[in-house]
Amino acid sequence: MENFKVIIVEDVPLEMKGTLGIIRSDIPEAEVIGTATNEVEYWRVLKQQLPDLVLLDLGLGGSTTIGVELCRSTKEMHPAVKVLIFTGEILNEKLWVDVLDAGADGIILKTGELLTRHDVQAVMDGKQLVFNEPILRKIVDRFKRAVGAQIAKQEALINYEIDEYDERFLRHLALGYTKEQITGLRGMPFGVKSLEKRQTELMRKLFPEGTTGVNATRLVVRALELRILDLDNLEADES
């Protein structure tokens, strides 16, 4: 790894000391050209000398949004500057998404393996989306669940002989659409009476034990139970 310049943004003195210790002992190529504990100090240091990397904590002064905005502004003004988040916000997943949308090159959580030479080198080599093991485990778990749900849906569609129009009909019922509104969806070639017949046929398929007492609401719940519909991806089609 070639030598590079870094600014560290951290508002907790003990954690700043620890981060400096990691860099000095494990990443000798890094030249710390400045440190900052808040937004004002950061912009002052940045104006004095442009770094190759900003090691940025998110929880500055008790506010998580400051770190996100610092990341966004830095990447907008200096796209070539790498921004690696080094944060103790280990449970705030929305914050991770926000900072990735703001252009961060990676996120290292202050837990587990902490900051490593390998992670820093990956960022400096141009790799995007650099994460350490704690966040990677969460990402992989979510990925596995998402794929599992997708496979379950595909199997349900086949097992219960659900076609595209059945799925669209059920999905919009789940979203609160009336049959009249569903007939107005783009590419939906059925009138209200046809949809009523389709609903009756779906009840027969999804309730082979009998449809007595089954209404549209119970039909939708059953479709969710069988994974024909994905509760996390209930979105309306264009009308």
C-alpha atoms as a PDB file:
ATOM      1  CA  MET A   1       0.000   0.000   0.000  1.00  0.00           C
ATOM      2  CA  GLU A   2       1.337   3.418  -0.972  1.00  0.00           C
ATOM      3  CA  ASN A   3       1.577   6.243   1.534  1.00  0.00           C
ATOM      4  CA  PHE A   4      -1.587   8.302   1.922  1.00  0.00           C
ATOM      5  CA  LYS A   5      -2.956  11.191   3.984  1.00  0.00           C
ATOM      6  CA  VAL A   6      -5.856  10.793   6.392  1.00  0.00           C
ATOM      7  CA  ILE A   7      -8.077  13.007   8.529  1.00  0.00           C
ATOM      8  CA  ILE A   8      -9.747  11.416  11.549  1.00  0.00           C
ATOM      9  CA  VAL A   9     -13.107  12.753  12.724  1.00  0.00           C
ATOM     10  CA  GLU A  10     -14.020  11.516  16.209  1.00  0.00           C
ATOM     11  CA  ASP A  11     -15.531  13.360  19.184  1.00  0.00           C
ATOM     12  CA  VAL A  12     -14.694  10.907  21.991  1.00  0.00           C
ATOM     13  CA  PRO A  13     -11.102  11.512  23.202  1.00  0.00           C
ATOM     14  CA  LEU A  14     -10.509   7.897  24.270  1.00  0.00           C
ATOM     15  CA  GLU A  15     -11.714   6.553  20.940  1.00  0.00           C
ATOM     16  CA  MET A  16      -9.646   9.133  19.056  1.00  0.00           C
ATOM     17  CA  LYS A  17      -6.593   7.939  21.002  1.00  0.00           C
ATOM     18  CA  GLY A  18      -7.421   4.321  20.195  1.00  0.00           C
ATOM     19  CA  THR A  19      -7.903   5.044  16.493  1.00  0.00           C
ATOM     20  CA  LEU A  20      -4.617   6.914  16.315  1.00  0.00           C
ATOM     21  CA  GLY A  21      -2.943   3.965  18.038  1.00  0.00           C
ATOM     22  CA  ILE A  22      -4.331   1.486  15.509  1.00  0.00           C
ATOM     23  CA  ILE A  23      -3.132   3.599  12.585  1.00  0.00           C
ATOM     24  CA  ARG A  24       0.356   4.178  13.985  1.00  0.00           C
ATOM     25  CA  SER A  25       0.929   0.537  14.866  1.00  0.00           C
ATOM     26  CA  ASP A  26      -0.864  -1.271  12.017  1.00  0.00           C
ATOM     27  CA  ILE A  27      -0.979   1.189   9.100  1.00  0.00           C
ATOM     28  CA  PRO A  28       2.361   3.018   8.923  1.00  0.00           C
ATOM     29  CA  GLU A  29       1.610   4.182   5.373  1.00  0.00           C
ATOM     30  CA  ALA A  30      -1.096   6.481   6.754  1.00  0.00           C
ATOM     31  CA  GLU A  31      -0.033  10.045   7.549  1.00  0.00           C
ATOM     32  CA  VAL A  32      -2.547  11.673   9.879  1.00  0.00           C
ATOM     33  CA  ILE A  33      -2.635  15.274   8.640  1.00  0.00           C
ATOM     34  CA  GLY A  34      -5.371  16.362  11.009  1.00  0.00           C
ATOM     35  CA  THR A  35      -8.035  15.412  13.507  1.00  0.00           C
ATOM     36  CA  ALA A  36     -11.429  16.907  14.267  1.00  0.00           C
ATOM     37  CA  THR A  37     -14.007  16.481  16.978  1.00  0.00           C
ATOM     38  CA  ASN A  38     -16.833  18.403  15.308  1.00  0.00           C
ATOM     39  CA  GLU A  39     -18.090  19.786  12.025  1.00  0.00           C
ATOM     40  CA  VAL A  40     -16.393  23.192  12.313  1.00  0.00           C
ATOM     41  CA  GLU A  41     -12.988  21.679  13.057  1.00  0.00           C
ATOM     42  CA  TYR A  42     -13.385  19.212  10.206  1.00  0.00           C
ATOM     43  CA  TRP A  43     -13.954  21.861   7.542  1.00  0.00           C
ATOM     44  CA  ARG A  44     -11.066  23.921   8.892  1.00  0.00           C
ATOM     45  CA  VAL A  45      -8.674  20.948   8.702  1.00  0.00           C
ATOM     46  CA  LEU A  46      -9.965  19.960   5.257  1.00  0.00           C
ATOM     47  CA  LYS A  47      -9.319  23.454   3.884  1.00  0.00           C
ATOM     48  CA  GLN A  48      -5.733  23.362   5.128  1.00  0.00           C
ATOM     49  CA  GLN A  49      -4.844  20.159   3.285  1.00  0.00           C
ATOM     50  CA  LEU A  50      -6.868  17.726   1.212  1.00  0.00           C
ATOM     51  CA  PRO A  51      -6.581  14.104   2.449  1.00  0.00           C
ATOM     52  CA  ASP A  52      -6.769  10.870   0.501  1.00  0.00           C
ATOM     53  CA  LEU A  53      -8.978   9.336   3.176  1.00  0.00           C
ATOM     54  CA  VAL A  54     -11.404  10.607   5.803  1.00  0.00           C
ATOM     55  CA  LEU A  55     -11.970   8.230   8.695  1.00  0.00           C
ATOM     56  CA  LEU A  56     -15.331   9.457   9.901  1.00  0.00           C
ATOM     57  CA  ASP A  57     -17.305   8.735  13.048  1.00  0.00           C
ATOM     58  CA  LEU A  58     -21.054   9.286  12.701  1.00  0.00           C
ATOM     59  CA  GLY A  59     -22.141  10.143  16.239  1.00  0.00           C
ATOM     60  CA  LEU A  60     -20.635  13.604  16.542  1.00  0.00           C
ATOM     61  CA  GLY A  61     -21.845  15.635  19.498  1.00  0.00           C
ATOM     62  CA  GLY A  62     -24.716  13.243  20.047  1.00  0.00           C
ATOM     63  CA  SER A  63     -26.040  13.753  16.510  1.00  0.00           C
ATOM     64  CA  THR A  64     -25.884  11.002  13.912  1.00  0.00           C
ATOM     65  CA  THR A  65     -27.051  13.202  11.044  1.00  0.00           C
ATOM     66  CA  ILE A  66     -23.945  15.409  11.168  1.00  0.00           C
ATOM     67  CA  GLY A  67     -21.713  12.519  10.129  1.00  0.00           C
ATOM     68  CA  VAL A  68     -24.001  11.640   7.236  1.00  0.00           C
ATOM     69  CA  GLU A  69     -24.016  15.232   5.984  1.00  0.00           C
ATOM     70  CA  LEU A  70     -20.236  15.527   6.346  1.00  0.00           C
ATOM     71  CA  CYS A  71     -19.873  12.416   4.209  1.00  0.00           C
ATOM     72  CA  ARG A  72     -22.290  13.691   1.567  1.00  0.00           C
ATOM     73  CA  SER A  73     -20.732  17.150   1.358  1.00  0.00           C
ATOM     74  CA  THR A  74     -17.195  15.770   1.222  1.00  0.00           C
ATOM     75  CA  LYS A  75     -17.997  13.374  -1.617  1.00  0.00           C
ATOM     76  CA  GLU A  76     -19.837  16.097  -3.547  1.00  0.00           C
ATOM     77  CA  MET A  77     -16.966  18.590  -3.273  1.00  0.00           C
ATOM     78  CA  HIS A  78     -14.082  16.107  -3.470  1.00  0.00           C
ATOM     79  CA  PRO A  79     -15.213  12.886  -5.217  1.00  0.00           C
ATOM     80  CA  ALA A  80     -11.689  11.441  -5.193  1.00  0.00           C
ATOM     81  CA  VAL A  81     -11.444  11.567  -1.396  1.00  0.00           C
ATOM     82  CA  LYS A  82     -12.268   8.215   0.195  1.00  0.00           C
ATOM     83  CA  VAL A  83     -14.660   8.257   3.143  1.00  0.00           C
ATOM     84  CA  LEU A  84     -14.526   5.278   5.467  1.00  0.00           C
ATOM     85  CA  ILE A  85     -17.069   5.293   8.276  1.00  0.00           C
ATOM     86  CA  PHE A  86     -15.735   4.057  11.623  1.00  0.00           C
ATOM     87  CA  THR A  87     -18.698   4.110  13.957  1.00  0.00           C
ATOM     88  CA  GLY A  88     -20.097   2.815  17.203  1.00  0.00           C
ATOM     89  CA  GLU A  89     -23.631   3.023  15.784  1.00  0.00           C
ATOM     90  CA  ILE A  90     -23.857  -0.759  15.675  1.00  0.00           C
ATOM     91  CA  LEU A  91     -27.662  -1.068  15.767  1.00  0.00           C
ATOM     92  CA  ASN A  92     -28.834   1.870  13.665  1.00  0.00           C
ATOM     93  CA  GLU A  93     -29.218   0.139  10.304  1.00  0.00           C
ATOM     94  CA  LYS A  94     -31.092   3.067   8.761  1.00  0.00           C
ATOM     95  CA  LEU A  95     -28.056   5.206   9.481  1.00  0.00           C
ATOM     96  CA  TRP A  96     -25.895   2.750   7.555  1.00  0.00           C
ATOM     97  CA  VAL A  97     -28.197   3.051   4.561  1.00  0.00           C
ATOM     98  CA  ASP A  98     -28.200   6.857   4.818  1.00  0.00           C
ATOM     99  CA  VAL A  99     -24.423   7.102   4.854  1.00  0.00           C
ATOM    100  CA  LEU A 100     -24.052   4.650   1.965  1.00  0.00           C
ATOM    101  CA  ASP A 101     -26.509   6.779  -0.009  1.00  0.00           C
ATOM    102  CA  ALA A 102     -24.324   9.750   0.916  1.00  0.00           C
ATOM    103  CA  GLY A 103     -21.396   8.119  -0.900  1.00  0.00           C
ATOM    104  CA  ALA A 104     -19.395   6.380   1.832  1.00  0.00           C
ATOM    105  CA  ASP A 105     -16.830   3.902   0.535  1.00  0.00           C
ATOM    106  CA  GLY A 106     -17.392   1.543   3.435  1.00  0.00           C
ATOM    107  CA  ILE A 107     -18.526   1.090   7.016  1.00  0.00           C
ATOM    108  CA  ILE A 108     -16.452  -0.363   9.836  1.00  0.00           C
ATOM    109  CA  LEU A 109     -18.381  -0.993  13.037  1.00  0.00           C
ATOM    110  CA  LYS A 110     -16.578  -0.472  16.327  1.00  0.00           C
ATOM    111  CA  THR A 111     -17.100  -4.050  17.415  1.00  0.00           C
ATOM    112  CA  GLY A 112     -15.441  -7.374  16.689  1.00  0.00           C
ATOM    113  CA  GLU A 113     -12.338  -6.979  14.559  1.00  0.00           C
ATOM    114  CA  LEU A 114     -12.481  -3.165  14.507  1.00  0.00           C
ATOM    115  CA  LEU A 115     -10.330  -1.289  11.990  1.00  0.00           C
ATOM    116  CA  THR A 116      -7.778  -3.418  10.130  1.00  0.00           C
ATOM    117  CA  ARG A 117      -5.026  -2.751   7.652  1.00  0.00           C
ATOM    118  CA  HIS A 118      -6.826  -5.003   5.166  1.00  0.00           C
ATOM    119  CA  ASP A 119      -9.997  -2.875   5.296  1.00  0.00           C
ATOM    120  CA  VAL A 120      -8.126   0.390   4.866  1.00  0.00           C
ATOM    121  CA  GLN A 121      -6.060  -1.008   2.006  1.00  0.00           C
ATOM    122  CA  ALA A 122      -9.225  -2.212   0.258  1.00  0.00           C
ATOM    123  CA  VAL A 123     -10.672   1.313   0.389  1.00  0.00           C
ATOM    124  CA  MET A 124      -7.433   2.922  -0.794  1.00  0.00           C
ATOM    125  CA  ASP A 125      -7.248   0.411  -3.656  1.00  0.00           C
ATOM    126  CA  GLY A 126     -10.612   1.652  -4.884  1.00  0.00           C
ATOM    127  CA  LYS A 127     -12.839  -1.102  -3.578  1.00  0.00           C
ATOM    128  CA  GLN A 128     -16.352   0.075  -2.793  1.00  0.00           C
ATOM    129  CA  LEU A 129     -18.645  -1.128  -0.029  1.00  0.00           C
ATOM    130  CA  VAL A 130     -15.930  -2.217   2.392  1.00  0.00           C
ATOM    131  CA  PHE A 131     -17.431  -3.671   5.567  1.00  0.00           C
ATOM    132  CA  ASN A 132     -16.005  -5.506   8.549  1.00  0.00           C
ATOM    133  CA  GLU A 133     -17.343  -8.818   9.823  1.00  0.00           C
ATOM    134  CA  PRO A 134     -20.138  -7.582  12.137  1.00  0.00           C
ATOM    135  CA  ILE A 135     -21.909  -5.689   9.367  1.00  0.00           C
ATOM    136  CA  LEU A 136     -21.132  -8.410   6.802  1.00  0.00           C
ATOM    137  CA  ARG A 137     -22.897 -10.983   8.983  1.00  0.00           C
ATOM    138  CA  LYS A 138     -26.010  -8.818   9.048  1.00  0.00           C
ATOM    139  CA  ILE A 139     -25.868  -8.287   5.287  1.00  0.00           C
ATOM    140  CA  VAL A 140     -25.455 -12.005   4.586  1.00  0.00           C
ATOM    141  CA  ASP A 141     -28.290 -12.903   6.970  1.00  0.00           C
ATOM    142  CA  ARG A 142     -30.601 -10.430   5.227  1.00  0.00           C
ATOM    143  CA  PHE A 143     -29.513 -11.729   1.824  1.00  0.00           C
ATOM    144  CA  LYS A 144     -30.219 -15.324   2.800  1.00  0.00           C
ATOM    145  CA  ARG A 145     -33.655 -14.426   4.142  1.00  0.00           C
ATOM    146  CA  ALA A 146     -34.478 -12.432   1.020  1.00  0.00           C
ATOM    147  CA  VAL A 147     -33.448 -15.276  -1.285  1.00  0.00           C
ATOM    148  CA  GLY A 148     -35.332 -17.791   0.858  1.00  0.00           C
ATOM    149  CA  ALA A 149     -38.478 -15.676   0.667  1.00  0.00           C
ATOM    150  CA  GLN A 150     -38.102 -15.349  -3.101  1.00  0.00           C
ATOM    151  CA  ILE A 151     -37.713 -19.110  -3.523  1.00  0.00           C
ATOM    152  CA  ALA A 152     -40.709 -19.745  -1.253  1.00  0.00           C
ATOM    153  CA  LYS A 153     -42.798 -17.368  -3.359  1.00  0.00           C
ATOM    154  CA  GLN A 154     -41.749 -19.039  -6.622  1.00  0.00           C
ATOM    155  CA  GLU A 155     -42.596 -22.464  -5.216  1.00  0.00           C
ATOM    156  CA  ALA A 156     -45.977 -21.221  -3.954  1.00  0.00           C
ATOM    157  CA  LEU A 157     -46.822 -19.721  -7.341  1.00  0.00           C
ATOM    158  CA  ILE A 158     -46.123 -23.068  -8.986  1.00  0.00           C
ATOM    159  CA  ASN A 159     -47.733 -25.277  -6.342  1.00  0.00           C
ATOM    160  CA  TYR A 160     -50.965 -23.296  -6.270  1.00  0.00           C
ATOM    161  CA  GLU A 161     -50.988 -22.506 -10.000  1.00  0.00           C
ATOM    162  CA  ILE A 162     -50.939 -18.744  -9.469  1.00  0.00           C
ATOM    163  CA  ASP A 163     -50.479 -16.746 -12.655  1.00  0.00           C
ATOM    164  CA  GLU A 164     -49.410 -13.130 -13.120  1.00  0.00           C
ATOM    165  CA  TYR A 165     -52.959 -11.795 -12.937  1.00  0.00           C
ATOM    166  CA  ASP A 166     -53.734 -13.785  -9.792  1.00  0.00           C
ATOM    167  CA  GLU A 167     -50.672 -12.309  -8.085  1.00  0.00           C
ATOM    168  CA  ARG A 168     -51.525  -8.774  -9.184  1.00  0.00           C
ATOM    169  CA  PHE A 169     -55.134  -9.206  -8.071  1.00  0.00           C
ATOM    170  CA  LEU A 170     -54.149 -10.514  -4.642  1.00  0.00           C
ATOM    171  CA  ARG A 171     -51.428  -7.896  -4.181  1.00  0.00           C
ATOM    172  CA  HIS A 172     -53.786  -5.013  -4.868  1.00  0.00           C
ATOM    173  CA  LEU A 173     -56.474  -6.492  -2.660  1.00  0.00           C
ATOM    174  CA  ALA A 174     -53.837  -6.527   0.095  1.00  0.00           C
ATOM    175  CA  LEU A 175     -53.154  -2.852  -0.599  1.00  0.00           C
ATOM    176  CA  GLY A 176     -56.828  -2.002  -0.131  1.00  0.00           C
ATOM    177  CA  TYR A 177     -57.850  -1.636  -3.772  1.00  0.00           C
ATOM    178  CA  THR A 178     -61.448  -2.368  -4.703  1.00  0.00           C
ATOM    179  CA  LYS A 179     -62.200  -4.660  -7.637  1.00  0.00           C
ATOM    180  CA  GLU A 180     -63.316  -1.604  -9.609  1.00  0.00           C
ATOM    181  CA  GLN A 181     -59.926   0.037  -9.011  1.00  0.00           C
ATOM    182  CA  ILE A 182     -58.054  -3.134  -9.936  1.00  0.00           C
ATOM    183  CA  THR A 183     -59.835  -3.311 -13.311  1.00  0.00           C
ATOM    184  CA  GLY A 184     -58.343   0.110 -14.059  1.00  0.00           C
ATOM    185  CA  LEU A 185     -54.728  -1.040 -13.653  1.00  0.00           C
ATOM    186  CA  ARG A 186     -52.608  -0.901 -16.756  1.00  0.00           C
ATOM    187  CA  GLY A 187     -52.642  -4.244 -18.580  1.00  0.00           C
ATOM    188  CA  MET A 188     -55.406  -5.748 -16.432  1.00  0.00           C
ATOM    189  CA  PRO A 189     -57.824  -7.259 -19.005  1.00  0.00           C
ATOM    190  CA  PHE A 190     -60.644  -8.171 -16.608  1.00  0.00           C
ATOM    191  CA  GLY A 191     -63.884  -6.570 -15.540  1.00  0.00           C
ATOM    192  CA  VAL A 192     -65.376  -6.754 -12.066  1.00  0.00           C
ATOM    193  CA  LYS A 193     -67.372  -9.923 -12.774  1.00  0.00           C
ATOM    194  CA  SER A 194     -64.264 -11.683 -14.110  1.00  0.00           C
ATOM    195  CA  LEU A 195     -62.338 -10.690 -10.997  1.00  0.00           C
ATOM    196  CA  GLU A 196     -65.117 -12.029  -8.801  1.00  0.00           C
ATOM    197  CA  LYS A 197     -64.863 -15.360 -10.624  1.00  0.00           C
ATOM    198  CA  ARG A 198     -61.077 -15.256 -10.237  1.00  0.00           C
ATOM    199  CA  GLN A 199     -61.460 -14.581  -6.524  1.00  0.00           C
ATOM    200  CA  THR A 200     -63.755 -17.579  -6.167  1.00  0.00           C
ATOM    201  CA  GLU A 201     -61.245 -19.779  -8.005  1.00  0.00           C
ATOM    202  CA  LEU A 202     -58.397 -18.505  -5.812  1.00  0.00           C
ATOM    203  CA  MET A 203     -60.400 -19.322  -2.693  1.00  0.00           C
ATOM    204  CA  ARG A 204     -60.873 -22.843  -3.986  1.00  0.00           C
ATOM    205  CA  LYS A 205     -57.123 -23.214  -4.652  1.00  0.00           C
ATOM    206  CA  LEU A 206     -55.914 -21.736  -1.380  1.00  0.00           C
ATOM    207  CA  PHE A 207     -58.601 -23.286   0.828  1.00  0.00           C
ATOM    208  CA  PRO A 208     -58.978 -26.852  -0.497  1.00  0.00           C
ATOM    209  CA  GLU A 209     -60.583 -27.844   2.808  1.00  0.00           C
ATOM    210  CA  GLY A 210     -63.515 -25.557   2.051  1.00  0.00           C
ATOM    211  CA  THR A 211     -64.288 -21.881   1.442  1.00  0.00           C
ATOM    212  CA  THR A 212     -67.135 -21.371   3.888  1.00  0.00           C
ATOM    213  CA  GLY A 213     -66.663 -18.061   5.677  1.00  0.00           C
ATOM    214  CA  VAL A 214     -63.691 -17.068   3.496  1.00  0.00           C
ATOM    215  CA  ASN A 215     -63.797 -13.460   2.322  1.00  0.00           C
ATOM    216  CA  ALA A 216     -61.324 -11.238   0.460  1.00  0.00           C
ATOM    217  CA  THR A 217     -59.465 -10.346   3.660  1.00  0.00           C
ATOM    218  CA  ARG A 218     -58.998 -13.978   4.654  1.00  0.00           C
ATOM    219  CA  LEU A 219     -57.900 -14.773   1.105  1.00  0.00           C
ATOM    220  CA  VAL A 220     -55.187 -12.108   1.275  1.00  0.00           C
ATOM    221  CA  VAL A 221     -54.011 -13.328   4.684  1.00  0.00           C
ATOM    222  CA  ARG A 222     -53.773 -16.855   3.300  1.00  0.00           C
ATOM    223  CA  ALA A 223     -51.735 -15.612   0.334  1.00  0.00           C
ATOM    224  CA  LEU A 224     -49.342 -13.945   2.760  1.00  0.00           C
ATOM    225  CA  GLU A 225     -49.106 -17.086   4.887  1.00  0.00           C
ATOM    226  CA  LEU A 226     -48.275 -19.185   1.835  1.00  0.00           C
ATOM    227  CA  ARG A 227     -45.664 -16.611   0.653  1.00  0.00           C
ATOM    228  CA  ILE A 228     -47.585 -15.974  -2.563  1.00  0.00           C
ATOM    229  CA  LEU A 229     -47.408 -12.348  -1.450  1.00  0.00           C
ATOM    230  CA  ASP A 230     -44.351 -10.804   0.175  1.00  0.00           C
ATOM    231  CA  LEU A 231     -45.347  -8.440   2.981  1.00  0.00           C
ATOM    232  CA  ASP A 232     -42.101  -6.483   2.558  1.00  0.00           C
ATOM    233  CA  ASN A 233     -42.712  -5.904  -1.150  1.00  0.00           C
ATOM    234  CA  LEU A 234     -46.356  -4.918  -1.441  1.00  0.00           C
ATOM    235  CA  GLU A 235     -46.245  -2.201  -4.069  1.00  0.00           C
ATOM    236  CA  ALA A 236     -48.955  -1.046  -6.420  1.00  0.00           C
ATOM    237  CA  ASP A 237     -48.603  -1.261 -10.197  1.00  0.00           C
ATOM    238  CA  GLU A 238     -49.028   1.781 -12.374  1.00  0.00           C
ATOM    239  CA  SER A 239     -52.681   2.548 -13.003  1.00  0.00           C
END
